Amino acid sequence: MKARLLIIVVFLISALFGQVNIAVIDFEGKNVSKDDASALTDRLRATLFLTGKFVILEREKMDAILKEQGFQQSGCTSDACAVEVGQLLAVEQMVVGSISKVGQTYSVTARLVGVEKGSLIGVGTCDLKGDIGDVMTCLSDVAAQLAGKQPVLISEPAQTQNTVLKNQKVTTANKPPTNMIGIPDWYLNPPQYEEAYYEAGYAAKLSMSSGKVASDASARNAIYITVEIKVSNILNNFMRESGIGADTEALEFTSSVSKQVANTARTRCKIVKRNMKADGDIYHAFSLAEYSLNSLVQHTLYEARKQKALYNEAKANLSFEDLEKEIQKLNTTQKP
């Protein structure tokens, strides 16, 4: 319990210091079982977190988002695939790699890939002889290299000019070109109605179907951020009024409820508008997501009631009924 509270506190504090948001794809096992490769990938996630440079997207959240989008993570070992996954997850960088065994030697190779430009930012490697469990002892070196504490210089492979230009067009995925004509008005200025939140998303892809999936994911992730901040703000304000402020139990209650509600919002929000623009062999996709405020209130009440025991543990001076009344105030479109 204490360890879990510590992780939550560290995560919330670390987000304030400009750390890089990343996700880690399960490493490919070469002459290594899938379960061992998965377990070592989990250990690398934790080790990367401890470098202090990265904010790591949790495995469960990553899997849920990719499942929702119909994306199969297995077999995703290339940098290009990592970039596509990173765009769906709305992270800045991706970690992809492999764990292999040759004779009695185990080798770990990890690559840090930038999602925006698809560039190779760095690598981390380690080799050792021994048992598969011994690999855990060298993952700290891999994490340090990826964090830039043990830099490894990488020369990018040569590309033709046309390939470079195509990659640049495809991977500037979070915002459309500033000189683009015909950007939907609802993308530039998402509607503001009393009954719902609206957020827009954008993606550029080589296929129409991939553009649709990526822009929908971008809009859904924007809904996630808006809802998480809104719910977190109103719960934090209530906790301050109760006199317990940033007590660890109150912090865990607020974090748990706001993240669960935000996850529900991302899953259940509706894509109400979509626009596709072809530019040569590139498709520019725009999506608009809608999430009703009535659903926001109901889901927040549901999650808060699930965590009622934790709320009571925080020894708030205000009753749970007072909290439910405060949650009703979420039924407003005032942005966080």
Protein backbone atom coordinates (compact mmCIF):
# COMPACT_ATOMS: atom_id res chain seq x y z
CA MET A 1 0.00 0.00 0.00
CA LYS A 2 2.76 2.44 0.94
CA ALA A 3 4.73 1.61 -2.21
CA ARG A 4 1.67 2.24 -4.37
CA LEU A 5 1.03 5.57 -2.68
CA LEU A 6 4.68 6.54 -3.20
CA ILE A 7 4.50 5.75 -6.91
CA ILE A 8 1.36 7.87 -7.29
CA VAL A 9 2.95 10.80 -5.45
CA VAL A 10 6.16 10.57 -7.49
CA PHE A 11 4.19 10.37 -10.75
CA LEU A 12 2.15 13.47 -9.98
CA ILE A 13 5.19 15.44 -8.90
CA SER A 14 7.33 14.33 -11.84
CA ALA A 15 4.78 15.56 -14.36
CA LEU A 16 5.56 19.10 -13.22
CA PHE A 17 9.22 18.95 -14.29
CA GLY A 18 9.03 18.64 -18.07
CA GLN A 19 9.74 14.94 -18.25
CA VAL A 20 9.24 13.02 -21.48
CA ASN A 21 6.06 10.98 -21.92
CA ILE A 22 6.94 7.54 -23.29
CA ALA A 23 5.50 4.08 -23.78
CA VAL A 24 7.38 0.78 -23.97
CA ILE A 25 6.35 -2.00 -26.35
CA ASP A 26 6.97 -5.53 -25.11
CA PHE A 27 10.38 -6.61 -26.34
CA GLU A 28 10.75 -9.29 -28.98
CA GLY A 29 12.18 -12.53 -27.60
CA LYS A 30 14.80 -14.24 -29.75
CA ASN A 31 15.47 -17.70 -28.35
CA VAL A 32 13.82 -16.30 -25.21
CA SER A 33 10.27 -17.15 -24.09
CA LYS A 34 7.51 -14.57 -24.53
CA ASP A 35 6.80 -14.58 -20.79
CA ASP A 36 10.45 -13.88 -19.93
CA ALA A 37 10.64 -11.10 -22.52
CA SER A 38 7.45 -9.57 -21.12
CA ALA A 39 8.68 -9.75 -17.52
CA LEU A 40 12.00 -8.12 -18.43
CA THR A 41 10.15 -5.40 -20.33
CA ASP A 42 8.14 -4.65 -17.19
CA ARG A 43 11.38 -4.41 -15.22
CA LEU A 44 12.80 -2.00 -17.81
CA ARG A 45 9.68 0.19 -17.48
CA ALA A 46 10.29 0.48 -13.76
CA THR A 47 14.00 1.16 -14.28
CA LEU A 48 13.29 3.86 -16.86
CA PHE A 49 10.91 5.50 -14.39
CA LEU A 50 13.61 5.57 -11.74
CA THR A 51 15.96 7.55 -14.02
CA GLY A 52 13.74 10.57 -13.34
CA LYS A 53 13.63 11.54 -17.01
CA PHE A 54 10.53 9.71 -18.18
CA VAL A 55 6.82 9.52 -17.40
CA ILE A 56 5.85 5.96 -18.38
CA LEU A 57 2.43 5.04 -19.78
CA GLU A 58 1.28 2.03 -17.78
CA ARG A 59 1.04 -1.30 -19.59
CA GLU A 60 -2.68 -1.71 -18.75
CA LYS A 61 -3.58 1.71 -20.15
CA MET A 62 -1.48 1.15 -23.27
CA ASP A 63 -3.09 -2.24 -23.90
CA ALA A 64 -6.59 -0.80 -23.38
CA ILE A 65 -6.03 2.03 -25.88
CA LEU A 66 -4.51 -0.25 -28.51
CA LYS A 67 -7.28 -2.82 -28.06
CA GLU A 68 -9.87 -0.10 -28.49
CA GLN A 69 -8.24 0.95 -31.74
CA GLY A 70 -7.97 -2.64 -32.99
CA PHE A 71 -4.17 -2.52 -33.04
CA GLN A 72 -2.21 -5.70 -32.42
CA GLN A 73 0.94 -4.95 -30.41
CA SER A 74 2.48 -8.36 -31.04
CA GLY A 75 5.02 -8.30 -33.84
CA CYS A 76 5.52 -4.54 -33.58
CA THR A 77 9.32 -4.39 -33.56
CA SER A 78 10.20 -1.81 -36.22
CA ASP A 79 10.71 1.91 -35.64
CA ALA A 80 7.92 2.70 -38.11
CA CYS A 81 5.48 0.55 -36.16
CA ALA A 82 6.63 2.14 -32.89
CA VAL A 83 5.87 5.59 -34.34
CA GLU A 84 2.38 4.50 -35.34
CA VAL A 85 1.73 3.11 -31.86
CA GLY A 86 3.13 6.28 -30.30
CA GLN A 87 0.70 8.41 -32.30
CA LEU A 88 -2.23 6.30 -31.12
CA LEU A 89 -1.04 6.61 -27.53
CA ALA A 90 -0.27 10.35 -27.82
CA VAL A 91 3.19 10.00 -26.29
CA GLU A 92 6.37 11.81 -27.30
CA GLN A 93 8.74 8.86 -27.57
CA MET A 94 8.58 5.07 -27.81
CA VAL A 95 10.91 2.33 -26.58
CA VAL A 96 11.15 -0.82 -28.69
CA GLY A 97 13.70 -3.60 -28.75
CA SER A 98 14.62 -7.24 -28.29
CA ILE A 99 16.08 -9.73 -25.81
CA SER A 100 18.08 -12.54 -27.40
CA LYS A 101 20.16 -15.52 -26.38
CA VAL A 102 23.17 -16.78 -28.33
CA GLY A 103 24.94 -19.68 -26.66
CA GLN A 104 25.26 -18.71 -23.00
CA THR A 105 25.12 -14.97 -23.69
CA TYR A 106 22.01 -12.83 -23.30
CA SER A 107 21.77 -9.54 -25.13
CA VAL A 108 19.35 -6.65 -24.66
CA THR A 109 18.97 -3.98 -27.34
CA ALA A 110 16.56 -1.08 -26.81
CA ARG A 111 15.83 1.83 -29.16
CA LEU A 112 14.32 5.19 -28.19
CA VAL A 113 12.29 6.53 -31.12
CA GLY A 114 10.82 10.04 -31.44
CA VAL A 115 7.15 9.91 -32.41
CA GLU A 116 6.94 13.31 -34.13
CA LYS A 117 9.81 12.87 -36.61
CA GLY A 118 10.29 9.11 -36.48
CA SER A 119 13.96 9.64 -35.66
CA LEU A 120 16.20 7.35 -33.64
CA ILE A 121 17.07 9.29 -30.50
CA GLY A 122 19.28 6.73 -28.79
CA VAL A 123 19.93 3.11 -27.95
CA GLY A 124 20.68 1.09 -24.86
CA THR A 125 22.45 -2.27 -24.86
CA CYS A 126 23.80 -4.81 -22.43
CA ASP A 127 25.37 -8.27 -22.81
CA LEU A 128 26.07 -10.85 -20.13
CA LYS A 129 26.64 -14.53 -19.59
CA GLY A 130 24.57 -16.40 -17.06
CA ASP A 131 20.93 -17.16 -16.32
CA ILE A 132 17.94 -15.27 -17.78
CA GLY A 133 17.28 -13.80 -14.34
CA ASP A 134 20.70 -12.17 -14.39
CA VAL A 135 19.56 -9.94 -17.26
CA MET A 136 17.66 -7.82 -14.72
CA THR A 137 20.97 -6.69 -13.25
CA CYS A 138 22.02 -4.94 -16.45
CA LEU A 139 18.70 -3.25 -17.31
CA SER A 140 19.74 -0.22 -15.26
CA ASP A 141 22.57 0.33 -17.77
CA VAL A 142 20.08 0.15 -20.65
CA ALA A 143 17.78 2.66 -18.93
CA ALA A 144 20.69 5.01 -18.18
CA GLN A 145 21.79 4.94 -21.82
CA LEU A 146 18.26 5.74 -23.02
CA ALA A 147 18.02 8.54 -20.47
CA GLY A 148 21.24 10.06 -21.81
CA LYS A 149 23.25 9.38 -18.67
CA GLN A 150 25.44 6.97 -20.60
CA PRO A 151 25.08 8.41 -24.11
CA VAL A 152 25.53 6.22 -27.16
CA LEU A 153 26.09 8.05 -30.43
CA ILE A 154 23.95 6.82 -33.29
CA SER A 155 24.29 7.67 -36.96
CA GLU A 156 20.96 7.54 -38.77
CA PRO A 157 20.77 5.43 -41.94
CA ALA A 158 21.08 7.24 -45.22
CA GLN A 159 17.80 8.06 -46.95
CA THR A 160 16.89 9.46 -50.29
CA GLN A 161 15.57 12.99 -50.38
CA ASN A 162 12.10 11.79 -51.38
CA THR A 163 11.96 9.36 -48.47
CA VAL A 164 12.99 12.06 -45.99
CA LEU A 165 10.34 14.44 -47.29
CA LYS A 166 7.67 11.75 -47.15
CA ASN A 167 8.58 10.83 -43.57
CA GLN A 168 8.51 14.47 -42.52
CA LYS A 169 5.02 14.89 -43.96
CA VAL A 170 3.69 11.76 -42.34
CA THR A 171 5.14 12.13 -38.87
CA THR A 172 4.33 15.77 -38.08
CA ALA A 173 1.16 14.22 -36.77
CA ASN A 174 -0.16 16.33 -33.90
CA LYS A 175 -0.98 19.50 -35.83
CA PRO A 176 -1.83 20.17 -39.48
CA PRO A 177 0.50 22.34 -41.58
CA THR A 178 -0.02 26.00 -40.78
CA ASN A 179 -0.54 26.86 -44.45
CA MET A 180 -3.15 24.14 -45.08
CA ILE A 181 -6.34 25.38 -46.75
CA GLY A 182 -9.73 24.03 -45.79
CA ILE A 183 -9.10 22.99 -42.19
CA PRO A 184 -12.56 22.37 -40.64
CA ASP A 185 -13.84 25.22 -38.50
CA TRP A 186 -14.83 22.74 -35.81
CA TYR A 187 -11.19 21.61 -35.58
CA LEU A 188 -9.87 25.16 -35.13
CA ASN A 189 -12.68 26.10 -32.73
CA PRO A 190 -14.36 23.04 -31.17
CA PRO A 191 -18.00 23.80 -30.26
CA GLN A 192 -18.94 24.82 -26.74
CA TYR A 193 -22.37 23.56 -25.73
CA GLU A 194 -23.88 23.27 -22.27
CA GLU A 195 -24.48 19.54 -22.46
CA ALA A 196 -21.11 18.21 -23.59
CA TYR A 197 -17.35 18.57 -23.98
CA TYR A 198 -15.92 18.60 -27.50
CA GLU A 199 -12.29 18.01 -28.45
CA ALA A 200 -10.68 17.74 -31.91
CA GLY A 201 -7.93 15.46 -33.15
CA TYR A 202 -5.66 15.30 -36.20
CA ALA A 203 -3.35 12.82 -37.91
CA ALA A 204 -1.47 12.46 -41.21
CA LYS A 205 -1.10 8.98 -42.66
CA LEU A 206 -0.30 7.14 -45.88
CA SER A 207 -3.70 5.41 -45.86
CA MET A 208 -7.20 6.73 -45.27
CA SER A 209 -8.07 4.02 -42.74
CA SER A 210 -4.91 4.62 -40.66
CA GLY A 211 -5.59 8.37 -40.71
CA LYS A 212 -9.11 7.81 -39.45
CA VAL A 213 -7.95 5.57 -36.59
CA ALA A 214 -5.13 7.93 -35.56
CA SER A 215 -7.22 11.13 -35.66
CA ASP A 216 -10.03 9.46 -33.69
CA ALA A 217 -7.46 8.38 -31.09
CA SER A 218 -6.06 11.92 -30.94
CA ALA A 219 -9.54 13.36 -30.28
CA ARG A 220 -10.30 10.70 -27.66
CA ASN A 221 -7.00 11.38 -25.89
CA ALA A 222 -7.86 15.10 -25.82
CA ILE A 223 -11.15 14.19 -24.11
CA TYR A 224 -9.18 12.08 -21.62
CA ILE A 225 -6.93 15.02 -20.70
CA THR A 226 -9.82 17.49 -20.35
CA VAL A 227 -11.87 15.14 -18.17
CA GLU A 228 -8.95 14.08 -15.97
CA ILE A 229 -8.00 17.70 -15.24
CA LYS A 230 -11.61 18.73 -14.62
CA VAL A 231 -12.38 15.88 -12.23
CA SER A 232 -9.02 16.18 -10.48
CA ASN A 233 -9.48 19.92 -9.97
CA ILE A 234 -12.93 19.65 -8.46
CA LEU A 235 -11.89 16.80 -6.13
CA ASN A 236 -8.72 18.59 -5.05
CA ASN A 237 -10.69 21.74 -4.28
CA PHE A 238 -13.13 19.71 -2.22
CA MET A 239 -10.30 18.04 -0.32
CA ARG A 240 -8.79 21.41 0.51
CA GLU A 241 -12.14 22.57 1.85
CA SER A 242 -12.29 19.45 3.99
CA GLY A 243 -9.02 20.47 5.63
CA ILE A 244 -6.90 17.48 4.61
CA GLY A 245 -5.31 19.03 1.51
CA ALA A 246 -2.60 16.80 0.01
CA ASP A 247 -2.82 13.97 2.53
CA THR A 248 -1.67 10.73 0.89
CA GLU A 249 -5.07 9.02 1.19
CA ALA A 250 -6.79 12.06 -0.31
CA LEU A 251 -4.22 12.14 -3.10
CA GLU A 252 -4.78 8.47 -3.89
CA PHE A 253 -8.57 8.92 -3.85
CA THR A 254 -8.40 11.90 -6.22
CA SER A 255 -5.91 10.24 -8.56
CA SER A 256 -7.80 6.95 -8.71
CA VAL A 257 -11.20 8.50 -9.38
CA SER A 258 -10.03 11.09 -11.93
CA LYS A 259 -8.00 8.57 -13.96
CA GLN A 260 -10.76 5.96 -13.99
CA VAL A 261 -13.33 8.54 -15.09
CA ALA A 262 -10.96 9.84 -17.77
CA ASN A 263 -10.38 6.30 -19.07
CA THR A 264 -14.14 5.76 -19.25
CA ALA A 265 -14.56 9.07 -21.07
CA ARG A 266 -11.91 8.15 -23.64
CA THR A 267 -13.61 4.83 -24.29
CA ARG A 268 -17.22 6.01 -24.38
CA CYS A 269 -16.97 9.42 -26.03
CA LYS A 270 -18.47 9.60 -29.53
CA ILE A 271 -16.76 10.68 -32.74
CA VAL A 272 -19.41 13.02 -34.12
CA LYS A 273 -17.53 14.57 -37.06
CA ARG A 274 -14.71 13.52 -39.33
CA ASN A 275 -13.02 15.14 -42.31
CA MET A 276 -10.40 13.69 -44.67
CA LYS A 277 -8.15 15.71 -46.98
CA ALA A 278 -5.88 14.06 -49.56
CA ASP A 279 -2.54 15.71 -50.35
CA GLY A 280 -0.67 13.59 -52.86
CA ASP A 281 -0.17 10.22 -51.18
CA ILE A 282 -0.83 11.63 -47.69
CA TYR A 283 -4.23 11.68 -45.99
CA HIS A 284 -4.89 14.42 -43.44
CA ALA A 285 -7.61 13.30 -41.02
CA PHE A 286 -9.62 15.44 -38.60
CA SER A 287 -11.97 14.08 -35.92
CA LEU A 288 -14.28 15.65 -33.35
CA ALA A 289 -15.11 13.78 -30.13
CA GLU A 290 -18.12 14.46 -27.89
CA TYR A 291 -18.60 13.46 -24.26
CA SER A 292 -21.79 14.37 -22.45
CA LEU A 293 -21.62 16.15 -19.12
CA ASN A 294 -24.43 13.98 -17.77
CA SER A 295 -22.23 10.94 -18.42
CA LEU A 296 -19.31 12.73 -16.76
CA VAL A 297 -21.32 13.29 -13.58
CA GLN A 298 -22.70 9.75 -13.51
CA HIS A 299 -19.32 8.11 -14.10
CA THR A 300 -17.63 10.28 -11.49
CA LEU A 301 -20.29 9.44 -8.92
CA TYR A 302 -19.91 5.75 -9.78
CA GLU A 303 -16.13 5.77 -9.36
CA ALA A 304 -16.29 7.87 -6.18
CA ARG A 305 -18.75 5.43 -4.62
CA LYS A 306 -16.44 2.53 -5.54
CA GLN A 307 -13.67 4.34 -3.64
CA LYS A 308 -15.86 5.39 -0.69
CA ALA A 309 -13.80 3.38 1.78
CA LEU A 310 -10.66 5.18 0.67
CA TYR A 311 -12.44 8.53 1.02
CA ASN A 312 -13.47 7.64 4.56
CA GLU A 313 -9.89 6.58 5.29
CA ALA A 314 -8.82 10.11 4.41
CA LYS A 315 -10.92 11.29 7.38
CA ALA A 316 -12.43 14.17 5.43
CA ASN A 317 -14.36 16.63 7.59
CA LEU A 318 -17.08 16.84 4.95
CA SER A 319 -19.48 13.94 4.53
CA PHE A 320 -19.59 11.73 1.45
CA GLU A 321 -22.98 13.26 0.65
CA ASP A 322 -21.26 16.66 0.50
CA LEU A 323 -18.79 15.19 -1.98
CA GLU A 324 -21.63 13.89 -4.16
CA LYS A 325 -23.14 17.38 -4.23
CA GLU A 326 -19.79 18.81 -5.27
CA ILE A 327 -19.50 16.28 -8.09
CA GLN A 328 -22.81 17.51 -9.47
CA LYS A 329 -20.98 20.78 -10.23
CA LEU A 330 -19.16 18.96 -13.01
CA ASN A 331 -22.28 19.50 -15.07
CA THR A 332 -20.83 22.67 -16.62
CA THR A 333 -18.78 23.18 -19.76
CA GLN A 334 -16.32 25.54 -18.10
CA LYS A 335 -12.91 24.26 -19.22
CA PRO A 336 -10.22 23.32 -16.68
